[in-house]
Amino acid sequence: MKLISVNVGLPREVLHKGRMVETGIFKESVAGRVQARRLNLDGDRQADLSVHGGESKAIYVYPSEHYGYWRRELPGVDLPWGMFGENFTTQGLLEDQANIGDRFRVGSAEVMVTEPRLPCYKLGVKFRREDIVKRFLRSGRTGFYMAVLQEGEVGAGDVIVRIGRDRNEVAVPDITRLYVTANYNQADLEMLKRVAGLEPLPESWRHYFAEKLQLIAGRSRSA
């Protein structure tokens, strides 16, 4: 596994549907070493801290392998590294290979997988097409966020080493699937119970799935 590109960017204002919106989704690949800190990389910031940023979303990771898919889906669109707003463009680390709670060494930093990325309308602002948000989520190629457990320097070319595997074995796509699924089967219900108590998963996600479980239990009692 390898870090292909490190991408950062500061919030900027762009015109969207006749009004100015502020977004930090525009990232550019940088050379040299970058300090990974608890809240973000040096040189990187988020615009709307109510939904972006924070310790559980310090670094957004997107696999380079997905770029081939999007080049076929979006012919003629320029897709440099960082196009999806990711901080780390990686090789060899796909969503289904990353469990929530897995820990990795990248450069001198230690990071942990926390949650999948759910796209907001600003991805459409970046691509200048509203359909990209639904297409992105439907593709399953969401990438994922990482928390920085130990600050350190990272750079393109760094080897990514898995140093800890979470015993719950809940992969990133499991969270995304439970989020978009309307009707749960028995296996889904068992997974819901696991993720509702999955400590490395941010509290907002655990609360969301706990409420889902309560709603399903209520329907079962009234049936």
C-alpha atoms as a PDB file:
ATOM      1  CA  MET A   1       0.000   0.000   0.000  1.00  0.00           C
ATOM      2  CA  LYS A   2       1.276   3.421  -0.904  1.00  0.00           C
ATOM      3  CA  LEU A   3       0.501   7.119  -0.623  1.00  0.00           C
ATOM      4  CA  ILE A   4       0.398   8.414  -4.204  1.00  0.00           C
ATOM      5  CA  SER A   5      -0.411  12.069  -3.593  1.00  0.00           C
ATOM      6  CA  VAL A   6      -0.939  14.466  -0.675  1.00  0.00           C
ATOM      7  CA  ASN A   7      -3.518  17.134  -1.477  1.00  0.00           C
ATOM      8  CA  VAL A   8      -4.427  20.257   0.483  1.00  0.00           C
ATOM      9  CA  GLY A   9      -6.409  23.434  -0.018  1.00  0.00           C
ATOM     10  CA  LEU A  10      -7.885  26.391   1.820  1.00  0.00           C
ATOM     11  CA  PRO A  11     -11.568  27.358   1.611  1.00  0.00           C
ATOM     12  CA  ARG A  12     -12.570  29.583  -1.279  1.00  0.00           C
ATOM     13  CA  GLU A  13     -15.746  31.224  -2.471  1.00  0.00           C
ATOM     14  CA  VAL A  14     -17.298  30.024  -5.728  1.00  0.00           C
ATOM     15  CA  LEU A  15     -20.462  30.974  -7.572  1.00  0.00           C
ATOM     16  CA  HIS A  16     -23.195  28.341  -7.361  1.00  0.00           C
ATOM     17  CA  LYS A  17     -26.743  28.867  -8.584  1.00  0.00           C
ATOM     18  CA  GLY A  18     -26.421  32.609  -8.445  1.00  0.00           C
ATOM     19  CA  ARG A  19     -24.884  32.871  -4.994  1.00  0.00           C
ATOM     20  CA  MET A  20     -21.452  32.616  -3.473  1.00  0.00           C
ATOM     21  CA  VAL A  21     -20.701  29.538  -1.390  1.00  0.00           C
ATOM     22  CA  GLU A  22     -17.561  28.767   0.568  1.00  0.00           C
ATOM     23  CA  THR A  23     -15.966  25.369   0.136  1.00  0.00           C
ATOM     24  CA  GLY A  24     -12.724  23.609   0.959  1.00  0.00           C
ATOM     25  CA  ILE A  25     -13.203  20.837  -1.602  1.00  0.00           C
ATOM     26  CA  PHE A  26     -10.627  22.261  -4.009  1.00  0.00           C
ATOM     27  CA  LYS A  27      -7.372  20.432  -3.243  1.00  0.00           C
ATOM     28  CA  GLU A  28      -4.052  20.469  -5.049  1.00  0.00           C
ATOM     29  CA  SER A  29      -1.227  17.969  -4.935  1.00  0.00           C
ATOM     30  CA  VAL A  30       1.794  19.223  -2.993  1.00  0.00           C
ATOM     31  CA  ALA A  31       5.435  18.236  -3.101  1.00  0.00           C
ATOM     32  CA  GLY A  32       7.577  17.525  -0.078  1.00  0.00           C
ATOM     33  CA  ARG A  33       6.603  16.560   3.440  1.00  0.00           C
ATOM     34  CA  VAL A  34       3.408  17.752   5.130  1.00  0.00           C
ATOM     35  CA  GLN A  35       2.596  17.682   8.832  1.00  0.00           C
ATOM     36  CA  ALA A  36      -0.496  15.634   9.704  1.00  0.00           C
ATOM     37  CA  ARG A  37      -2.166  17.141  12.765  1.00  0.00           C
ATOM     38  CA  ARG A  38      -5.162  16.173  14.907  1.00  0.00           C
ATOM     39  CA  LEU A  39      -7.636  18.264  12.895  1.00  0.00           C
ATOM     40  CA  ASN A  40      -6.121  18.390   9.404  1.00  0.00           C
ATOM     41  CA  LEU A  41      -2.974  18.567   7.330  1.00  0.00           C
ATOM     42  CA  ASP A  42      -0.895  21.736   7.324  1.00  0.00           C
ATOM     43  CA  GLY A  43      -2.177  23.928   4.509  1.00  0.00           C
ATOM     44  CA  ASP A  44      -5.614  22.331   4.538  1.00  0.00           C
ATOM     45  CA  ARG A  45      -8.857  23.636   6.023  1.00  0.00           C
ATOM     46  CA  GLN A  46     -12.590  22.901   5.849  1.00  0.00           C
ATOM     47  CA  ALA A  47     -15.202  25.580   5.184  1.00  0.00           C
ATOM     48  CA  ASP A  48     -18.298  24.291   7.018  1.00  0.00           C
ATOM     49  CA  LEU A  49     -17.131  22.802  10.307  1.00  0.00           C
ATOM     50  CA  SER A  50     -20.682  21.728  11.210  1.00  0.00           C
ATOM     51  CA  VAL A  51     -20.435  18.850   8.723  1.00  0.00           C
ATOM     52  CA  HIS A  52     -16.759  18.735   7.728  1.00  0.00           C
ATOM     53  CA  GLY A  53     -13.565  18.471   9.701  1.00  0.00           C
ATOM     54  CA  GLY A  54     -13.078  17.517  13.312  1.00  0.00           C
ATOM     55  CA  GLU A  55     -10.854  14.809  14.741  1.00  0.00           C
ATOM     56  CA  SER A  56     -12.743  11.951  13.055  1.00  0.00           C
ATOM     57  CA  LYS A  57     -12.406  13.645   9.649  1.00  0.00           C
ATOM     58  CA  ALA A  58      -8.870  14.961   9.821  1.00  0.00           C
ATOM     59  CA  ILE A  59      -7.846  13.207   6.593  1.00  0.00           C
ATOM     60  CA  TYR A  60     -10.003  12.167   3.650  1.00  0.00           C
ATOM     61  CA  VAL A  61      -8.651   9.177   1.726  1.00  0.00           C
ATOM     62  CA  TYR A  62      -9.571   8.237  -1.849  1.00  0.00           C
ATOM     63  CA  PRO A  63      -8.135   5.227  -3.712  1.00  0.00           C
ATOM     64  CA  SER A  64      -6.341   6.026  -6.970  1.00  0.00           C
ATOM     65  CA  GLU A  65      -7.861   2.848  -8.422  1.00  0.00           C
ATOM     66  CA  HIS A  66     -11.243   4.618  -8.647  1.00  0.00           C
ATOM     67  CA  TYR A  67      -9.971   7.250 -11.039  1.00  0.00           C
ATOM     68  CA  GLY A  68     -10.083   4.797 -13.946  1.00  0.00           C
ATOM     69  CA  TYR A  69     -13.782   4.185 -13.283  1.00  0.00           C
ATOM     70  CA  TRP A  70     -14.541   7.898 -13.215  1.00  0.00           C
ATOM     71  CA  ARG A  71     -12.570   8.569 -16.390  1.00  0.00           C
ATOM     72  CA  ARG A  72     -14.854   6.084 -18.121  1.00  0.00           C
ATOM     73  CA  GLU A  73     -17.960   7.553 -16.469  1.00  0.00           C
ATOM     74  CA  LEU A  74     -16.981  11.174 -17.115  1.00  0.00           C
ATOM     75  CA  PRO A  75     -15.177  11.257 -20.472  1.00  0.00           C
ATOM     76  CA  GLY A  76     -13.475  14.536 -21.195  1.00  0.00           C
ATOM     77  CA  VAL A  77     -13.400  15.639 -17.541  1.00  0.00           C
ATOM     78  CA  ASP A  78      -9.951  16.481 -16.197  1.00  0.00           C
ATOM     79  CA  LEU A  79      -9.315  14.352 -13.110  1.00  0.00           C
ATOM     80  CA  PRO A  80      -6.050  15.264 -11.380  1.00  0.00           C
ATOM     81  CA  TRP A  81      -5.230  13.758  -8.000  1.00  0.00           C
ATOM     82  CA  GLY A  82      -7.318  15.470  -5.349  1.00  0.00           C
ATOM     83  CA  MET A  83     -10.283  15.994  -7.674  1.00  0.00           C
ATOM     84  CA  PHE A  84     -12.672  14.350  -5.217  1.00  0.00           C
ATOM     85  CA  GLY A  85     -11.488  16.558  -2.376  1.00  0.00           C
ATOM     86  CA  GLU A  86      -9.250  13.895  -0.890  1.00  0.00           C
ATOM     87  CA  ASN A  87      -6.164  14.635   1.173  1.00  0.00           C
ATOM     88  CA  PHE A  88      -4.591  11.226   0.533  1.00  0.00           C
ATOM     89  CA  THR A  89      -4.729   9.595  -2.877  1.00  0.00           C
ATOM     90  CA  THR A  90      -3.716   6.003  -2.172  1.00  0.00           C
ATOM     91  CA  GLN A  91      -2.788   2.806  -3.976  1.00  0.00           C
ATOM     92  CA  GLY A  92      -3.651  -0.663  -2.704  1.00  0.00           C
ATOM     93  CA  LEU A  93      -6.096   0.353   0.034  1.00  0.00           C
ATOM     94  CA  LEU A  94      -9.710   0.050  -1.099  1.00  0.00           C
ATOM     95  CA  GLU A  95     -12.815   0.586   1.019  1.00  0.00           C
ATOM     96  CA  ASP A  96     -13.553  -3.120   1.461  1.00  0.00           C
ATOM     97  CA  GLN A  97     -10.018  -3.646   2.765  1.00  0.00           C
ATOM     98  CA  ALA A  98     -10.372  -0.994   5.467  1.00  0.00           C
ATOM     99  CA  ASN A  99     -12.234  -1.772   8.662  1.00  0.00           C
ATOM    100  CA  ILE A 100     -13.556   0.972  10.889  1.00  0.00           C
ATOM    101  CA  GLY A 101     -10.923   1.197  13.627  1.00  0.00           C
ATOM    102  CA  ASP A 102      -8.027  -0.141  11.549  1.00  0.00           C
ATOM    103  CA  ARG A 103      -4.776   1.688  12.305  1.00  0.00           C
ATOM    104  CA  PHE A 104      -2.014   2.522   9.831  1.00  0.00           C
ATOM    105  CA  ARG A 105       1.450   4.047   9.855  1.00  0.00           C
ATOM    106  CA  VAL A 106       1.996   6.621   7.089  1.00  0.00           C
ATOM    107  CA  GLY A 107       5.324   8.393   7.196  1.00  0.00           C
ATOM    108  CA  SER A 108       5.812   9.226  10.878  1.00  0.00           C
ATOM    109  CA  ALA A 109       2.064   9.622  11.525  1.00  0.00           C
ATOM    110  CA  GLU A 110      -0.349   7.054  12.917  1.00  0.00           C
ATOM    111  CA  VAL A 111      -3.900   7.197  11.583  1.00  0.00           C
ATOM    112  CA  MET A 112      -7.169   5.298  12.077  1.00  0.00           C
ATOM    113  CA  VAL A 113     -10.118   4.636   9.747  1.00  0.00           C
ATOM    114  CA  THR A 114     -13.268   6.243  11.165  1.00  0.00           C
ATOM    115  CA  GLU A 115     -16.120   6.496   8.630  1.00  0.00           C
ATOM    116  CA  PRO A 116     -17.099   6.573   4.948  1.00  0.00           C
ATOM    117  CA  ARG A 117     -17.482   9.833   3.081  1.00  0.00           C
ATOM    118  CA  LEU A 118     -21.046  10.922   2.357  1.00  0.00           C
ATOM    119  CA  PRO A 119     -20.957  13.499  -0.441  1.00  0.00           C
ATOM    120  CA  CYS A 120     -22.716  16.849  -0.075  1.00  0.00           C
ATOM    121  CA  TYR A 121     -23.818  19.258  -2.782  1.00  0.00           C
ATOM    122  CA  LYS A 122     -20.361  20.826  -2.882  1.00  0.00           C
ATOM    123  CA  LEU A 123     -19.082  17.825  -4.826  1.00  0.00           C
ATOM    124  CA  GLY A 124     -21.539  18.978  -7.482  1.00  0.00           C
ATOM    125  CA  VAL A 125     -20.135  22.489  -7.158  1.00  0.00           C
ATOM    126  CA  LYS A 126     -16.652  21.119  -7.826  1.00  0.00           C
ATOM    127  CA  PHE A 127     -17.705  19.072 -10.855  1.00  0.00           C
ATOM    128  CA  ARG A 128     -20.296  21.620 -12.028  1.00  0.00           C
ATOM    129  CA  ARG A 129     -22.906  18.881 -12.369  1.00  0.00           C
ATOM    130  CA  GLU A 130     -25.596  18.024  -9.843  1.00  0.00           C
ATOM    131  CA  ASP A 131     -25.868  14.350 -10.800  1.00  0.00           C
ATOM    132  CA  ILE A 132     -22.383  13.581  -9.501  1.00  0.00           C
ATOM    133  CA  VAL A 133     -23.537  13.388  -5.862  1.00  0.00           C
ATOM    134  CA  LYS A 134     -25.988  10.531  -6.483  1.00  0.00           C
ATOM    135  CA  ARG A 135     -23.607   8.830  -8.899  1.00  0.00           C
ATOM    136  CA  PHE A 136     -20.780   9.045  -6.393  1.00  0.00           C
ATOM    137  CA  LEU A 137     -22.790   7.434  -3.583  1.00  0.00           C
ATOM    138  CA  ARG A 138     -24.352   4.838  -5.872  1.00  0.00           C
ATOM    139  CA  SER A 139     -20.931   3.806  -7.179  1.00  0.00           C
ATOM    140  CA  GLY A 140     -19.803   2.680  -3.725  1.00  0.00           C
ATOM    141  CA  ARG A 141     -16.504   4.412  -4.424  1.00  0.00           C
ATOM    142  CA  THR A 142     -16.816   6.758  -1.472  1.00  0.00           C
ATOM    143  CA  GLY A 143     -13.380   6.760   0.055  1.00  0.00           C
ATOM    144  CA  PHE A 144     -13.157   7.156   3.813  1.00  0.00           C
ATOM    145  CA  TYR A 145     -11.988   9.410   6.617  1.00  0.00           C
ATOM    146  CA  MET A 146      -9.138   8.918   9.048  1.00  0.00           C
ATOM    147  CA  ALA A 147      -8.348  10.341  12.459  1.00  0.00           C
ATOM    148  CA  VAL A 148      -4.762  11.250  13.313  1.00  0.00           C
ATOM    149  CA  LEU A 149      -3.768   9.314  16.432  1.00  0.00           C
ATOM    150  CA  GLN A 150      -0.141  10.398  16.350  1.00  0.00           C
ATOM    151  CA  GLU A 151       0.916  13.530  14.537  1.00  0.00           C
ATOM    152  CA  GLY A 152       3.755  13.240  12.056  1.00  0.00           C
ATOM    153  CA  GLU A 153       5.026  14.043   8.593  1.00  0.00           C
ATOM    154  CA  VAL A 154       3.633  12.434   5.447  1.00  0.00           C
ATOM    155  CA  GLY A 155       4.503  12.696   1.779  1.00  0.00           C
ATOM    156  CA  ALA A 156       3.860  11.192  -1.632  1.00  0.00           C
ATOM    157  CA  GLY A 157       5.665   7.889  -1.966  1.00  0.00           C
ATOM    158  CA  ASP A 158       5.255   6.887   1.672  1.00  0.00           C
ATOM    159  CA  VAL A 159       4.445   3.244   2.286  1.00  0.00           C
ATOM    160  CA  ILE A 160       1.173   2.686   4.153  1.00  0.00           C
ATOM    161  CA  VAL A 161       1.576   0.000   6.801  1.00  0.00           C
ATOM    162  CA  ARG A 162      -1.339  -1.564   8.651  1.00  0.00           C
ATOM    163  CA  ILE A 163      -0.354  -1.734  12.314  1.00  0.00           C
ATOM    164  CA  GLY A 164      -3.690  -2.737  13.839  1.00  0.00           C
ATOM    165  CA  ARG A 165      -6.797  -4.567  12.623  1.00  0.00           C
ATOM    166  CA  ASP A 166     -10.082  -3.833  14.409  1.00  0.00           C
ATOM    167  CA  ARG A 167     -11.538  -7.066  15.775  1.00  0.00           C
ATOM    168  CA  ASN A 168     -15.143  -6.096  14.925  1.00  0.00           C
ATOM    169  CA  GLU A 169     -14.365  -6.444  11.202  1.00  0.00           C
ATOM    170  CA  VAL A 170     -16.849  -3.824  10.049  1.00  0.00           C
ATOM    171  CA  ALA A 171     -15.587  -2.573   6.698  1.00  0.00           C
ATOM    172  CA  VAL A 172     -16.232   0.910   5.324  1.00  0.00           C
ATOM    173  CA  PRO A 173     -18.783  -0.352   2.726  1.00  0.00           C
ATOM    174  CA  ASP A 174     -20.793  -2.007   5.514  1.00  0.00           C
ATOM    175  CA  ILE A 175     -21.525   1.433   6.961  1.00  0.00           C
ATOM    176  CA  THR A 176     -22.442   2.896   3.582  1.00  0.00           C
ATOM    177  CA  ARG A 177     -24.690  -0.049   2.747  1.00  0.00           C
ATOM    178  CA  LEU A 178     -26.563   0.162   6.055  1.00  0.00           C
ATOM    179  CA  TYR A 179     -27.042   3.877   5.462  1.00  0.00           C
ATOM    180  CA  VAL A 180     -28.584   3.558   1.985  1.00  0.00           C
ATOM    181  CA  THR A 181     -30.517   0.286   2.468  1.00  0.00           C
ATOM    182  CA  ALA A 182     -34.271   0.714   2.916  1.00  0.00           C
ATOM    183  CA  ASN A 183     -35.193  -2.845   3.908  1.00  0.00           C
ATOM    184  CA  TYR A 184     -32.915  -4.781   6.243  1.00  0.00           C
ATOM    185  CA  ASN A 185     -32.532  -8.552   6.185  1.00  0.00           C
ATOM    186  CA  GLN A 186     -31.463 -10.555   9.241  1.00  0.00           C
ATOM    187  CA  ALA A 187     -27.777 -10.190   8.445  1.00  0.00           C
ATOM    188  CA  ASP A 188     -28.251  -6.419   8.177  1.00  0.00           C
ATOM    189  CA  LEU A 189     -29.945  -6.341  11.571  1.00  0.00           C
ATOM    190  CA  GLU A 190     -27.054  -8.211  13.145  1.00  0.00           C
ATOM    191  CA  MET A 191     -24.624  -5.775  11.546  1.00  0.00           C
ATOM    192  CA  LEU A 192     -26.718  -2.845  12.807  1.00  0.00           C
ATOM    193  CA  LYS A 193     -26.330  -4.119  16.353  1.00  0.00           C
ATOM    194  CA  ARG A 194     -22.569  -4.339  15.910  1.00  0.00           C
ATOM    195  CA  VAL A 195     -22.105  -0.887  14.414  1.00  0.00           C
ATOM    196  CA  ALA A 196     -24.374   0.786  16.997  1.00  0.00           C
ATOM    197  CA  GLY A 197     -21.771  -0.113  19.602  1.00  0.00           C
ATOM    198  CA  LEU A 198     -18.671   0.216  17.426  1.00  0.00           C
ATOM    199  CA  GLU A 199     -16.436   2.514  19.464  1.00  0.00           C
ATOM    200  CA  PRO A 200     -14.097   3.731  16.670  1.00  0.00           C
ATOM    201  CA  LEU A 201     -17.157   4.859  14.674  1.00  0.00           C
ATOM    202  CA  PRO A 202     -18.045   8.498  15.484  1.00  0.00           C
ATOM    203  CA  GLU A 203     -20.855   8.983  17.991  1.00  0.00           C
ATOM    204  CA  SER A 204     -23.146  10.605  15.424  1.00  0.00           C
ATOM    205  CA  TRP A 205     -23.092   7.433  13.321  1.00  0.00           C
ATOM    206  CA  ARG A 206     -23.619   5.169  16.327  1.00  0.00           C
ATOM    207  CA  HIS A 207     -26.561   7.289  17.443  1.00  0.00           C
ATOM    208  CA  TYR A 208     -28.050   7.144  13.942  1.00  0.00           C
ATOM    209  CA  PHE A 209     -27.884   3.348  13.812  1.00  0.00           C
ATOM    210  CA  ALA A 210     -29.129   2.967  17.396  1.00  0.00           C
ATOM    211  CA  GLU A 211     -32.207   4.985  16.425  1.00  0.00           C
ATOM    212  CA  LYS A 212     -32.669   2.726  13.397  1.00  0.00           C
ATOM    213  CA  LEU A 213     -32.648  -0.300  15.679  1.00  0.00           C
ATOM    214  CA  GLN A 214     -35.203   1.276  18.011  1.00  0.00           C
ATOM    215  CA  LEU A 215     -37.464   2.128  15.087  1.00  0.00           C
ATOM    216  CA  ILE A 216     -37.280  -1.419  13.718  1.00  0.00           C
ATOM    217  CA  ALA A 217     -37.930  -2.879  17.185  1.00  0.00           C
ATOM    218  CA  GLY A 218     -40.958  -0.617  17.564  1.00  0.00           C
ATOM    219  CA  ARG A 219     -42.383  -1.754  14.258  1.00  0.00           C
ATOM    220  CA  SER A 220     -41.864  -5.399  15.213  1.00  0.00           C
ATOM    221  CA  ARG A 221     -43.760  -4.957  18.477  1.00  0.00           C
ATOM    222  CA  SER A 222     -46.700  -3.269  16.762  1.00  0.00           C
ATOM    223  CA  ALA A 223     -46.889  -5.812  13.933  1.00  0.00           C
END
